[in-house]
Amino acid sequence: MKNEDKLKEQTVKKKSSRRKYIIVIGIIFCILGVYVYWLTTWRSENSLLQKESEILIRKIAARNLQKEPDQLNDEDFSKVTRLIIGEHEWSSAPLITELADIKLLEKFTNLEILSLGRIIYPKKGTPKWMSILSKYGFFDIKKRFALDLSPLAKLQNLKSLTICDTSVKNINSLANLVNLQKLDLSGTNIKNIEPVQNLINIERLVLDGTAIV
């Protein structure tokens, strides 16, 4: 009888262990499934937001050229020498511009004056769980969705660049803009200006509201 009891006990333990194993595997697969679903959905939404950002920049450029946004081509972009996106003047009702990226700007190769002000990542593109974590200080949305300035690296004709009240990833892309004479980075989250220290043609550098000043 004792042997039978031991066998039954071992059988019960094995079944219990197997059940726990199956539950753990099931939980892992559920988590992976949710993650894959979120990643796929986020990529799809991000692609849409990027398209909307391009449309917005097209509309602003079209007003300068007095054309329809969907009629603009690379030749048209190269004709634009001055572009203002967003608002950078203090006011009682500040204007916020939502942009996922500024990739289209790399085609504005003859830009001499560019202003980017009060730009944020589209709120509808920010997952709710990130917003919740951000409220409790566990997640920095501004840092996670900071504006990527890499498209500006090709704008060698820039003489004046203003980036105000906008969170940026870094300013490394500005290191080779040798013709810059004015650079305004006020209200950004930059912590050092090492990338632009060798731009010898800069006559005016504004750093108000940054970690540097």
C-alpha atoms as a PDB file:
ATOM      1  CA  MET A   1       0.000   0.000   0.000  1.00  0.00           C
ATOM      2  CA  LYS A   2       2.832   2.310   0.827  1.00  0.00           C
ATOM      3  CA  ASN A   3       4.332   1.853  -2.631  1.00  0.00           C
ATOM      4  CA  GLU A   4       0.982   2.568  -4.258  1.00  0.00           C
ATOM      5  CA  ASP A   5       0.588   5.730  -2.183  1.00  0.00           C
ATOM      6  CA  LYS A   6       4.060   6.862  -3.172  1.00  0.00           C
ATOM      7  CA  LEU A   7       3.303   6.242  -6.855  1.00  0.00           C
ATOM      8  CA  LYS A   8       0.052   8.180  -6.584  1.00  0.00           C
ATOM      9  CA  GLU A   9       1.825  11.028  -4.834  1.00  0.00           C
ATOM     10  CA  GLN A  10       4.551  11.115  -7.498  1.00  0.00           C
ATOM     11  CA  THR A  11       1.916  11.021 -10.249  1.00  0.00           C
ATOM     12  CA  VAL A  12       0.045  13.948  -8.655  1.00  0.00           C
ATOM     13  CA  LYS A  13       3.291  15.941  -8.338  1.00  0.00           C
ATOM     14  CA  LYS A  14       4.174  15.278 -11.977  1.00  0.00           C
ATOM     15  CA  LYS A  15       0.726  16.370 -13.145  1.00  0.00           C
ATOM     16  CA  SER A  16       0.906  19.478 -10.967  1.00  0.00           C
ATOM     17  CA  SER A  17       4.383  20.303 -12.250  1.00  0.00           C
ATOM     18  CA  ARG A  18       3.289  19.737 -15.851  1.00  0.00           C
ATOM     19  CA  ARG A  19       0.240  21.958 -15.314  1.00  0.00           C
ATOM     20  CA  LYS A  20       2.381  24.775 -13.908  1.00  0.00           C
ATOM     21  CA  TYR A  21       4.773  24.437 -16.844  1.00  0.00           C
ATOM     22  CA  ILE A  22       1.910  24.679 -19.338  1.00  0.00           C
ATOM     23  CA  ILE A  23       0.499  27.739 -17.532  1.00  0.00           C
ATOM     24  CA  VAL A  24       3.899  29.491 -17.570  1.00  0.00           C
ATOM     25  CA  ILE A  25       4.385  28.733 -21.280  1.00  0.00           C
ATOM     26  CA  GLY A  26       0.855  29.979 -21.956  1.00  0.00           C
ATOM     27  CA  ILE A  27       1.522  33.249 -20.126  1.00  0.00           C
ATOM     28  CA  ILE A  28       4.778  33.759 -22.049  1.00  0.00           C
ATOM     29  CA  PHE A  29       3.030  33.198 -25.379  1.00  0.00           C
ATOM     30  CA  CYS A  30       0.250  35.604 -24.372  1.00  0.00           C
ATOM     31  CA  ILE A  31       2.802  38.285 -23.497  1.00  0.00           C
ATOM     32  CA  LEU A  32       4.671  37.719 -26.777  1.00  0.00           C
ATOM     33  CA  GLY A  33       1.391  37.857 -28.691  1.00  0.00           C
ATOM     34  CA  VAL A  34       0.420  41.159 -27.089  1.00  0.00           C
ATOM     35  CA  TYR A  35       3.893  42.577 -27.768  1.00  0.00           C
ATOM     36  CA  VAL A  36       3.872  41.510 -31.439  1.00  0.00           C
ATOM     37  CA  TYR A  37       0.363  42.943 -31.858  1.00  0.00           C
ATOM     38  CA  TRP A  38       1.402  46.229 -30.257  1.00  0.00           C
ATOM     39  CA  LEU A  39       4.605  46.436 -32.322  1.00  0.00           C
ATOM     40  CA  THR A  40       2.747  45.747 -35.581  1.00  0.00           C
ATOM     41  CA  THR A  41       0.023  48.261 -34.732  1.00  0.00           C
ATOM     42  CA  TRP A  42       2.555  50.883 -33.628  1.00  0.00           C
ATOM     43  CA  ARG A  43       4.568  50.531 -36.837  1.00  0.00           C
ATOM     44  CA  SER A  44       1.421  50.908 -38.902  1.00  0.00           C
ATOM     45  CA  GLU A  45       0.345  53.991 -36.944  1.00  0.00           C
ATOM     46  CA  ASN A  46       3.851  55.443 -37.086  1.00  0.00           C
ATOM     47  CA  SER A  47       3.919  55.030 -40.869  1.00  0.00           C
ATOM     48  CA  LEU A  48       0.628  56.926 -41.068  1.00  0.00           C
ATOM     49  CA  LEU A  49       1.934  59.680 -38.784  1.00  0.00           C
ATOM     50  CA  GLN A  50       5.043  60.044 -40.942  1.00  0.00           C
ATOM     51  CA  LYS A  51       2.826  60.447 -44.001  1.00  0.00           C
ATOM     52  CA  GLU A  52       0.770  63.096 -42.203  1.00  0.00           C
ATOM     53  CA  SER A  53       3.972  64.919 -41.244  1.00  0.00           C
ATOM     54  CA  GLU A  54       5.064  64.976 -44.879  1.00  0.00           C
ATOM     55  CA  ILE A  55       1.674  66.357 -45.922  1.00  0.00           C
ATOM     56  CA  LEU A  56       1.939  69.164 -43.356  1.00  0.00           C
ATOM     57  CA  ILE A  57       5.415  70.184 -44.535  1.00  0.00           C
ATOM     58  CA  ARG A  58       4.201  70.036 -48.135  1.00  0.00           C
ATOM     59  CA  LYS A  59       1.325  72.395 -47.290  1.00  0.00           C
ATOM     60  CA  ILE A  60       3.677  74.924 -45.711  1.00  0.00           C
ATOM     61  CA  ALA A  61       6.060  74.773 -48.687  1.00  0.00           C
ATOM     62  CA  ALA A  62       3.148  74.992 -51.123  1.00  0.00           C
ATOM     63  CA  ARG A  63       2.022  78.296 -49.591  1.00  0.00           C
ATOM     64  CA  ASN A  64       5.492  79.704 -50.226  1.00  0.00           C
ATOM     65  CA  LEU A  65       5.467  78.548 -53.838  1.00  0.00           C
ATOM     66  CA  GLN A  66       1.761  79.256 -54.446  1.00  0.00           C
ATOM     67  CA  LYS A  67       1.146  75.721 -55.641  1.00  0.00           C
ATOM     68  CA  GLU A  68      -0.937  72.767 -54.578  1.00  0.00           C
ATOM     69  CA  PRO A  69       0.806  70.490 -52.023  1.00  0.00           C
ATOM     70  CA  ASP A  70       0.395  67.314 -54.088  1.00  0.00           C
ATOM     71  CA  GLN A  71       1.924  69.017 -57.134  1.00  0.00           C
ATOM     72  CA  LEU A  72       5.290  69.673 -55.495  1.00  0.00           C
ATOM     73  CA  ASN A  73       8.307  67.702 -56.674  1.00  0.00           C
ATOM     74  CA  ASP A  74      11.998  67.662 -55.780  1.00  0.00           C
ATOM     75  CA  GLU A  75      12.697  70.611 -58.074  1.00  0.00           C
ATOM     76  CA  ASP A  76      10.069  72.658 -56.242  1.00  0.00           C
ATOM     77  CA  PHE A  77      11.533  71.764 -52.860  1.00  0.00           C
ATOM     78  CA  SER A  78      14.948  72.962 -54.022  1.00  0.00           C
ATOM     79  CA  LYS A  79      13.474  76.399 -54.824  1.00  0.00           C
ATOM     80  CA  VAL A  80      12.463  77.079 -51.236  1.00  0.00           C
ATOM     81  CA  THR A  81      15.008  79.218 -49.389  1.00  0.00           C
ATOM     82  CA  ARG A  82      12.974  80.143 -46.292  1.00  0.00           C
ATOM     83  CA  LEU A  83      10.698  77.868 -44.264  1.00  0.00           C
ATOM     84  CA  ILE A  84       8.931  78.358 -40.942  1.00  0.00           C
ATOM     85  CA  ILE A  85       7.322  75.332 -39.302  1.00  0.00           C
ATOM     86  CA  GLY A  86       5.491  75.881 -36.038  1.00  0.00           C
ATOM     87  CA  GLU A  87       5.580  78.890 -33.743  1.00  0.00           C
ATOM     88  CA  HIS A  88       8.512  80.182 -31.739  1.00  0.00           C
ATOM     89  CA  GLU A  89       7.258  83.481 -30.343  1.00  0.00           C
ATOM     90  CA  TRP A  90       5.895  83.542 -26.784  1.00  0.00           C
ATOM     91  CA  SER A  91       2.148  84.219 -26.642  1.00  0.00           C
ATOM     92  CA  SER A  92      -0.814  83.689 -24.309  1.00  0.00           C
ATOM     93  CA  ALA A  93      -2.051  80.869 -26.547  1.00  0.00           C
ATOM     94  CA  PRO A  94       1.073  79.149 -27.906  1.00  0.00           C
ATOM     95  CA  LEU A  95       0.716  77.172 -31.103  1.00  0.00           C
ATOM     96  CA  ILE A  96       1.769  73.533 -30.944  1.00  0.00           C
ATOM     97  CA  THR A  97       2.697  71.702 -34.141  1.00  0.00           C
ATOM     98  CA  GLU A  98       2.519  67.908 -34.175  1.00  0.00           C
ATOM     99  CA  LEU A  99       5.101  66.178 -36.359  1.00  0.00           C
ATOM    100  CA  ALA A 100       6.336  62.598 -36.260  1.00  0.00           C
ATOM    101  CA  ASP A 101       9.447  63.508 -38.260  1.00  0.00           C
ATOM    102  CA  ILE A 102      10.955  66.084 -40.622  1.00  0.00           C
ATOM    103  CA  LYS A 103      12.459  63.641 -43.119  1.00  0.00           C
ATOM    104  CA  LEU A 104      11.044  65.542 -46.112  1.00  0.00           C
ATOM    105  CA  LEU A 105      13.247  68.523 -45.247  1.00  0.00           C
ATOM    106  CA  GLU A 106      16.319  66.749 -46.625  1.00  0.00           C
ATOM    107  CA  LYS A 107      14.968  67.601 -50.093  1.00  0.00           C
ATOM    108  CA  PHE A 108      14.992  71.358 -49.376  1.00  0.00           C
ATOM    109  CA  THR A 109      18.638  71.551 -50.352  1.00  0.00           C
ATOM    110  CA  ASN A 110      18.723  75.318 -50.932  1.00  0.00           C
ATOM    111  CA  LEU A 111      17.178  76.358 -47.639  1.00  0.00           C
ATOM    112  CA  GLU A 112      18.945  79.333 -46.112  1.00  0.00           C
ATOM    113  CA  ILE A 113      16.528  80.085 -43.270  1.00  0.00           C
ATOM    114  CA  LEU A 114      14.710  77.393 -41.300  1.00  0.00           C
ATOM    115  CA  SER A 115      12.634  77.750 -38.158  1.00  0.00           C
ATOM    116  CA  LEU A 116      11.188  74.848 -36.172  1.00  0.00           C
ATOM    117  CA  GLY A 117       9.172  75.909 -33.155  1.00  0.00           C
ATOM    118  CA  ARG A 118       7.031  74.206 -30.497  1.00  0.00           C
ATOM    119  CA  ILE A 119       7.022  70.852 -32.270  1.00  0.00           C
ATOM    120  CA  ILE A 120       5.862  67.707 -30.468  1.00  0.00           C
ATOM    121  CA  TYR A 121       5.274  64.119 -31.467  1.00  0.00           C
ATOM    122  CA  PRO A 122       1.578  63.539 -32.354  1.00  0.00           C
ATOM    123  CA  LYS A 123      -0.379  62.718 -29.206  1.00  0.00           C
ATOM    124  CA  LYS A 124      -2.449  60.092 -30.975  1.00  0.00           C
ATOM    125  CA  GLY A 125       0.756  58.206 -31.752  1.00  0.00           C
ATOM    126  CA  THR A 126       1.719  57.900 -28.102  1.00  0.00           C
ATOM    127  CA  PRO A 127       0.551  54.591 -26.538  1.00  0.00           C
ATOM    128  CA  LYS A 128      -1.745  55.052 -23.541  1.00  0.00           C
ATOM    129  CA  TRP A 129       0.494  52.979 -21.290  1.00  0.00           C
ATOM    130  CA  MET A 130       3.379  55.348 -22.036  1.00  0.00           C
ATOM    131  CA  SER A 131       1.220  58.353 -21.158  1.00  0.00           C
ATOM    132  CA  ILE A 132       0.194  56.724 -17.873  1.00  0.00           C
ATOM    133  CA  LEU A 133       3.780  55.842 -16.932  1.00  0.00           C
ATOM    134  CA  SER A 134       4.839  59.355 -17.865  1.00  0.00           C
ATOM    135  CA  LYS A 135       2.332  60.896 -15.430  1.00  0.00           C
ATOM    136  CA  TYR A 136       3.889  58.944 -12.583  1.00  0.00           C
ATOM    137  CA  GLY A 137       7.442  59.771 -13.617  1.00  0.00           C
ATOM    138  CA  PHE A 138       8.373  56.302 -14.891  1.00  0.00           C
ATOM    139  CA  PHE A 139       8.657  57.328 -18.526  1.00  0.00           C
ATOM    140  CA  ASP A 140       9.861  60.474 -20.295  1.00  0.00           C
ATOM    141  CA  ILE A 141       7.683  60.896 -23.386  1.00  0.00           C
ATOM    142  CA  LYS A 142       9.541  63.991 -24.581  1.00  0.00           C
ATOM    143  CA  LYS A 143      12.835  62.116 -24.545  1.00  0.00           C
ATOM    144  CA  ARG A 144      11.377  58.964 -26.142  1.00  0.00           C
ATOM    145  CA  PHE A 145       9.724  60.907 -28.964  1.00  0.00           C
ATOM    146  CA  ALA A 146      12.293  63.679 -29.389  1.00  0.00           C
ATOM    147  CA  LEU A 147      12.628  65.156 -32.869  1.00  0.00           C
ATOM    148  CA  ASP A 148      15.254  63.529 -35.083  1.00  0.00           C
ATOM    149  CA  LEU A 149      17.322  66.270 -36.731  1.00  0.00           C
ATOM    150  CA  SER A 150      19.296  63.977 -39.048  1.00  0.00           C
ATOM    151  CA  PRO A 151      17.458  65.193 -42.217  1.00  0.00           C
ATOM    152  CA  LEU A 152      19.061  68.615 -41.654  1.00  0.00           C
ATOM    153  CA  ALA A 153      22.555  67.230 -42.219  1.00  0.00           C
ATOM    154  CA  LYS A 154      22.151  67.660 -45.978  1.00  0.00           C
ATOM    155  CA  LEU A 155      21.118  71.321 -45.822  1.00  0.00           C
ATOM    156  CA  GLN A 156      24.560  72.750 -46.465  1.00  0.00           C
ATOM    157  CA  ASN A 157      23.191  76.160 -47.536  1.00  0.00           C
ATOM    158  CA  LEU A 158      21.574  76.911 -44.186  1.00  0.00           C
ATOM    159  CA  LYS A 159      22.606  80.270 -42.769  1.00  0.00           C
ATOM    160  CA  SER A 160      19.986  80.630 -40.038  1.00  0.00           C
ATOM    161  CA  LEU A 161      18.516  77.767 -38.018  1.00  0.00           C
ATOM    162  CA  THR A 162      16.018  78.172 -35.198  1.00  0.00           C
ATOM    163  CA  ILE A 163      14.827  75.225 -33.106  1.00  0.00           C
ATOM    164  CA  CYS A 164      12.761  76.493 -30.173  1.00  0.00           C
ATOM    165  CA  ASP A 165      10.728  74.859 -27.409  1.00  0.00           C
ATOM    166  CA  THR A 166      11.221  71.464 -29.023  1.00  0.00           C
ATOM    167  CA  SER A 167      12.701  68.277 -27.603  1.00  0.00           C
ATOM    168  CA  VAL A 168      15.458  66.982 -29.886  1.00  0.00           C
ATOM    169  CA  LYS A 169      17.449  63.730 -29.820  1.00  0.00           C
ATOM    170  CA  ASN A 170      20.780  65.495 -30.296  1.00  0.00           C
ATOM    171  CA  ILE A 171      22.407  68.131 -32.482  1.00  0.00           C
ATOM    172  CA  ASN A 172      25.075  65.911 -34.035  1.00  0.00           C
ATOM    173  CA  SER A 173      23.493  66.375 -37.464  1.00  0.00           C
ATOM    174  CA  LEU A 174      24.353  70.085 -37.373  1.00  0.00           C
ATOM    175  CA  ALA A 175      28.096  69.506 -37.105  1.00  0.00           C
ATOM    176  CA  ASN A 176      28.788  69.988 -40.832  1.00  0.00           C
ATOM    177  CA  LEU A 177      26.491  72.924 -41.560  1.00  0.00           C
ATOM    178  CA  VAL A 178      29.502  75.118 -42.222  1.00  0.00           C
ATOM    179  CA  ASN A 179      27.522  78.084 -43.564  1.00  0.00           C
ATOM    180  CA  LEU A 180      25.460  78.594 -40.416  1.00  0.00           C
ATOM    181  CA  GLN A 181      25.655  82.151 -39.143  1.00  0.00           C
ATOM    182  CA  LYS A 182      22.795  82.059 -36.630  1.00  0.00           C
ATOM    183  CA  LEU A 183      21.818  79.104 -34.462  1.00  0.00           C
ATOM    184  CA  ASP A 184      18.978  79.377 -31.961  1.00  0.00           C
ATOM    185  CA  LEU A 185      18.418  76.332 -29.740  1.00  0.00           C
ATOM    186  CA  SER A 186      16.431  78.020 -26.977  1.00  0.00           C
ATOM    187  CA  GLY A 187      14.019  75.870 -25.014  1.00  0.00           C
ATOM    188  CA  THR A 188      15.490  72.584 -26.252  1.00  0.00           C
ATOM    189  CA  ASN A 189      16.817  69.738 -24.092  1.00  0.00           C
ATOM    190  CA  ILE A 190      20.428  69.878 -25.291  1.00  0.00           C
ATOM    191  CA  LYS A 191      23.151  69.523 -22.676  1.00  0.00           C
ATOM    192  CA  ASN A 192      26.260  70.391 -24.679  1.00  0.00           C
ATOM    193  CA  ILE A 193      27.191  72.222 -27.856  1.00  0.00           C
ATOM    194  CA  GLU A 194      30.260  70.191 -28.746  1.00  0.00           C
ATOM    195  CA  PRO A 195      28.848  69.126 -32.171  1.00  0.00           C
ATOM    196  CA  VAL A 196      28.681  72.754 -33.341  1.00  0.00           C
ATOM    197  CA  GLN A 197      31.802  74.163 -31.724  1.00  0.00           C
ATOM    198  CA  ASN A 198      33.752  73.989 -34.992  1.00  0.00           C
ATOM    199  CA  LEU A 199      31.204  75.968 -37.048  1.00  0.00           C
ATOM    200  CA  ILE A 200      33.423  79.021 -37.366  1.00  0.00           C
ATOM    201  CA  ASN A 201      30.914  81.125 -39.325  1.00  0.00           C
ATOM    202  CA  ILE A 202      28.370  81.317 -36.498  1.00  0.00           C
ATOM    203  CA  GLU A 203      27.875  84.931 -35.457  1.00  0.00           C
ATOM    204  CA  ARG A 204      24.965  84.406 -33.084  1.00  0.00           C
ATOM    205  CA  LEU A 205      24.273  81.427 -30.813  1.00  0.00           C
ATOM    206  CA  VAL A 206      21.151  81.437 -28.629  1.00  0.00           C
ATOM    207  CA  LEU A 207      20.898  78.894 -25.810  1.00  0.00           C
ATOM    208  CA  ASP A 208      18.247  80.395 -23.517  1.00  0.00           C
ATOM    209  CA  GLY A 209      16.264  77.844 -21.550  1.00  0.00           C
ATOM    210  CA  THR A 210      18.693  74.958 -22.117  1.00  0.00           C
ATOM    211  CA  ALA A 211      20.805  72.980 -19.648  1.00  0.00           C
ATOM    212  CA  ILE A 212      23.820  74.944 -20.868  1.00  0.00           C
ATOM    213  CA  VAL A 213      22.606  78.340 -19.679  1.00  0.00           C
END
